[in-house]
N, C-alpha and C. Protein backbone atom coordinates (compact mmCIF):
# COMPACT_ATOMS: atom_id res chain seq x y z
N UNK A 1 62.29 189.92 -31.71
CA UNK A 1 63.40 191.30 -32.25
C UNK A 1 64.06 191.08 -30.91
N UNK A 2 63.13 191.31 -29.80
CA UNK A 2 63.47 191.73 -28.99
C UNK A 2 64.52 190.72 -27.92
N UNK A 3 64.40 189.65 -28.36
CA UNK A 3 64.83 188.10 -27.77
C UNK A 3 66.15 187.93 -28.32
N UNK A 4 66.22 188.42 -29.59
CA UNK A 4 67.34 188.27 -30.27
C UNK A 4 68.57 189.19 -30.19
N UNK A 5 67.87 190.79 -30.08
CA UNK A 5 68.64 191.53 -29.71
C UNK A 5 69.58 191.48 -27.95
N UNK A 6 68.47 190.55 -27.56
CA UNK A 6 68.81 190.28 -25.96
C UNK A 6 69.97 189.53 -26.18
N UNK A 7 69.94 188.48 -26.78
CA UNK A 7 70.84 187.00 -27.06
C UNK A 7 72.24 187.93 -27.65
N UNK A 8 72.13 188.67 -29.04
CA UNK A 8 73.29 189.18 -29.39
C UNK A 8 74.01 190.00 -28.22
N UNK A 9 73.46 191.04 -27.67
CA UNK A 9 74.19 192.25 -26.67
C UNK A 9 74.77 191.11 -25.44
N UNK A 10 73.91 189.68 -24.87
CA UNK A 10 74.65 188.91 -23.85
C UNK A 10 76.30 188.45 -24.19
N UNK A 11 75.79 188.10 -25.66
CA UNK A 11 76.94 186.94 -26.42
C UNK A 11 78.23 187.75 -26.74
N UNK A 12 77.98 189.27 -26.97
CA UNK A 12 78.86 190.17 -26.79
C UNK A 12 79.41 190.55 -25.48
N UNK A 13 78.92 190.34 -24.54
CA UNK A 13 79.24 190.89 -23.11
C UNK A 13 78.75 191.90 -22.67
N UNK A 14 77.91 192.46 -23.64
CA UNK A 14 77.26 193.36 -22.90
C UNK A 14 76.58 193.10 -21.59
N UNK A 15 75.97 194.43 -20.81
CA UNK A 15 75.42 194.05 -19.80
C UNK A 15 73.95 194.10 -20.39
N UNK A 16 72.73 193.60 -19.69
CA UNK A 16 71.71 193.62 -19.81
C UNK A 16 70.98 195.11 -19.86
N UNK A 17 70.06 195.74 -20.78
CA UNK A 17 69.42 196.98 -20.43
C UNK A 17 68.52 196.87 -19.69
N UNK A 18 67.97 197.99 -18.91
CA UNK A 18 66.97 197.96 -18.07
C UNK A 18 65.57 197.69 -18.66
N UNK A 19 64.91 197.11 -17.72
CA UNK A 19 63.44 196.89 -18.20
C UNK A 19 62.55 198.06 -18.73
N UNK A 20 62.80 198.92 -17.88
CA UNK A 20 62.04 200.20 -18.17
C UNK A 20 62.82 201.47 -18.14
N UNK A 21 62.91 202.19 -18.86
CA UNK A 21 63.69 203.26 -19.52
C UNK A 21 62.47 204.41 -19.74
N UNK A 22 63.06 205.92 -18.72
CA UNK A 22 61.86 207.00 -18.47
C UNK A 22 62.68 208.15 -19.42
N UNK A 23 62.31 208.20 -20.83
CA UNK A 23 62.94 209.29 -21.53
C UNK A 23 62.53 210.55 -21.13
N UNK A 24 62.99 211.61 -20.99
CA UNK A 24 62.68 212.75 -20.41
C UNK A 24 62.38 213.88 -21.68
N UNK A 25 61.03 214.56 -21.32
CA UNK A 25 60.94 215.28 -22.54
C UNK A 25 60.44 216.57 -21.87
N UNK A 26 61.02 217.89 -21.90
CA UNK A 26 60.66 218.95 -21.09
C UNK A 26 59.17 219.35 -21.22
N UNK A 27 58.90 218.89 -22.79
CA UNK A 27 57.16 219.77 -22.97
C UNK A 27 56.18 218.54 -22.45
N UNK A 28 56.89 217.28 -22.05
CA UNK A 28 55.94 216.41 -21.79
C UNK A 28 56.22 215.96 -20.57
N UNK A 29 57.38 216.23 -19.51
CA UNK A 29 57.35 216.19 -18.73
C UNK A 29 58.27 217.01 -18.10
N UNK A 30 57.82 218.13 -17.42
CA UNK A 30 58.42 219.61 -17.43
C UNK A 30 59.59 219.44 -16.04
N UNK A 31 59.05 218.34 -15.10
CA UNK A 31 60.21 218.30 -13.96
C UNK A 31 59.76 216.80 -14.09
N UNK A 32 60.81 215.39 -14.21
CA UNK A 32 61.04 214.72 -14.25
C UNK A 32 61.07 213.49 -13.30
N UNK A 33 61.58 214.30 -12.20
CA UNK A 33 62.11 214.02 -10.70
C UNK A 33 60.48 213.15 -10.03
N UNK A 34 59.39 213.60 -9.85
CA UNK A 34 58.76 213.15 -9.55
C UNK A 34 58.33 211.49 -10.14
N UNK A 35 58.17 211.68 -11.74
CA UNK A 35 58.51 210.31 -11.92
C UNK A 35 59.32 209.28 -12.02
N UNK A 36 60.42 210.18 -12.19
CA UNK A 36 61.73 208.99 -11.84
C UNK A 36 61.52 208.15 -10.30
N UNK A 37 61.16 209.09 -9.20
CA UNK A 37 60.94 208.30 -8.16
C UNK A 37 60.03 207.46 -7.80
N UNK A 38 59.07 207.36 -8.83
CA UNK A 38 58.25 206.03 -9.13
C UNK A 38 58.70 205.05 -9.99
N UNK A 39 59.50 205.01 -10.70
CA UNK A 39 60.62 203.98 -11.12
C UNK A 39 60.87 202.61 -10.58
N UNK A 40 60.36 201.53 -10.89
CA UNK A 40 61.29 200.45 -9.66
C UNK A 40 62.63 200.55 -9.42
N UNK A 41 63.21 199.89 -9.07
CA UNK A 41 64.82 199.60 -8.74
C UNK A 41 65.02 198.78 -10.23
N UNK A 42 66.30 199.41 -10.49
CA UNK A 42 66.91 199.06 -12.32
C UNK A 42 66.38 199.66 -13.16
N UNK A 43 65.51 200.18 -13.56
CA UNK A 43 65.18 200.87 -14.39
C UNK A 43 66.20 202.45 -14.58
N UNK A 44 65.91 203.27 -15.49
CA UNK A 44 66.91 204.14 -16.03
C UNK A 44 66.05 205.44 -16.63
N UNK A 45 66.74 206.42 -16.41
CA UNK A 45 66.17 207.62 -16.79
C UNK A 45 67.41 208.24 -17.95
N UNK A 46 66.30 208.65 -19.47
CA UNK A 46 67.62 209.11 -20.52
C UNK A 46 66.77 210.81 -20.06
N UNK A 47 68.22 211.47 -19.62
CA UNK A 47 67.41 213.15 -19.55
C UNK A 47 67.82 213.94 -20.97
N UNK A 48 66.81 214.03 -21.51
CA UNK A 48 66.64 214.99 -22.73
C UNK A 48 66.86 216.44 -22.60
N UNK A 49 65.69 216.99 -22.39
CA UNK A 49 65.53 218.53 -22.11
C UNK A 49 66.65 219.16 -22.93
N UNK A 50 66.26 219.40 -23.88
CA UNK A 50 67.64 219.87 -24.44
C UNK A 50 67.45 221.31 -25.00
N UNK A 51 66.14 221.65 -24.66
CA UNK A 51 65.87 223.02 -24.50
C UNK A 51 66.06 223.69 -23.67
N UNK A 52 66.59 223.31 -22.56
CA UNK A 52 67.00 223.92 -21.21
C UNK A 52 68.45 224.42 -21.76
N UNK A 53 68.75 225.28 -20.63
CA UNK A 53 70.17 225.59 -20.54
C UNK A 53 71.20 224.74 -20.01
N UNK A 54 72.70 224.79 -20.41
CA UNK A 54 73.52 223.83 -19.95
C UNK A 54 73.17 223.78 -18.44
N UNK A 55 73.08 225.11 -17.66
CA UNK A 55 73.39 225.30 -16.25
C UNK A 55 72.21 224.72 -15.43
N UNK A 56 70.74 224.73 -16.33
CA UNK A 56 69.50 223.80 -15.89
C UNK A 56 69.49 222.60 -16.02
N UNK A 57 70.02 222.06 -17.20
CA UNK A 57 70.31 220.67 -17.63
C UNK A 57 71.39 220.18 -16.36
N UNK A 58 72.15 220.77 -16.19
CA UNK A 58 73.11 220.04 -14.87
C UNK A 58 72.35 220.03 -13.81
N UNK A 59 71.65 221.40 -13.24
CA UNK A 59 70.73 221.35 -12.08
C UNK A 59 69.67 219.96 -12.04
N UNK A 60 69.51 219.56 -13.12
CA UNK A 60 68.36 218.61 -13.23
C UNK A 60 69.04 217.24 -13.03
N UNK A 61 70.05 217.19 -14.06
CA UNK A 61 70.92 216.14 -13.81
C UNK A 61 71.50 215.15 -12.61
N UNK A 62 71.57 216.63 -12.14
CA UNK A 62 71.86 216.69 -10.68
C UNK A 62 70.86 215.83 -9.52
N UNK A 63 70.03 216.38 -9.93
CA UNK A 63 68.49 215.89 -9.16
C UNK A 63 68.00 214.75 -9.30
N UNK A 64 68.07 214.42 -10.62
CA UNK A 64 67.89 212.97 -11.13
C UNK A 64 68.86 211.89 -10.40
N UNK A 65 69.96 212.34 -10.44
CA UNK A 65 71.09 211.43 -10.37
C UNK A 65 71.01 211.04 -8.50
N UNK A 66 70.30 212.23 -8.17
CA UNK A 66 70.46 211.70 -6.26
C UNK A 66 69.07 210.63 -6.18
N UNK A 67 68.23 210.40 -7.22
CA UNK A 67 67.06 209.56 -7.48
C UNK A 67 67.63 208.25 -7.63
N UNK A 68 68.57 208.24 -8.57
CA UNK A 68 69.51 207.24 -9.25
C UNK A 68 69.66 206.61 -8.45
N UNK A 69 70.33 207.14 -7.57
CA UNK A 69 71.43 206.53 -6.87
C UNK A 69 70.88 205.74 -5.57
N UNK A 70 69.62 205.75 -5.44
CA UNK A 70 68.60 204.66 -4.77
C UNK A 70 68.67 203.47 -5.37
N UNK A 71 68.82 203.35 -6.95
CA UNK A 71 68.92 201.81 -7.25
C UNK A 71 68.41 202.11 -9.16
N UNK A 72 68.62 203.16 -9.11
CA UNK A 72 68.23 203.19 -10.77
C UNK A 72 69.39 203.02 -11.49
N UNK A 73 69.40 202.86 -12.73
CA UNK A 73 70.80 202.43 -13.81
C UNK A 73 70.89 204.46 -13.78
N UNK A 74 72.07 204.43 -13.38
CA UNK A 74 73.04 205.78 -13.87
C UNK A 74 73.61 206.01 -15.39
């Protein structure tokens, strides 16, 4: 199934998906920045943390963006 999805995405001209995606969750990973620092180049971070205030999420997103700028998929 994964191979078929990759083939269809490539045929449609879509960029390939990252091989690894860290999905944040404030209950399981209260501070995902250290985990993001450990990801290999080309990985991605999907920021959830829906229970945080907009200001807290923005601050966390900025911290994660600083990590992503080193080669993760933003």
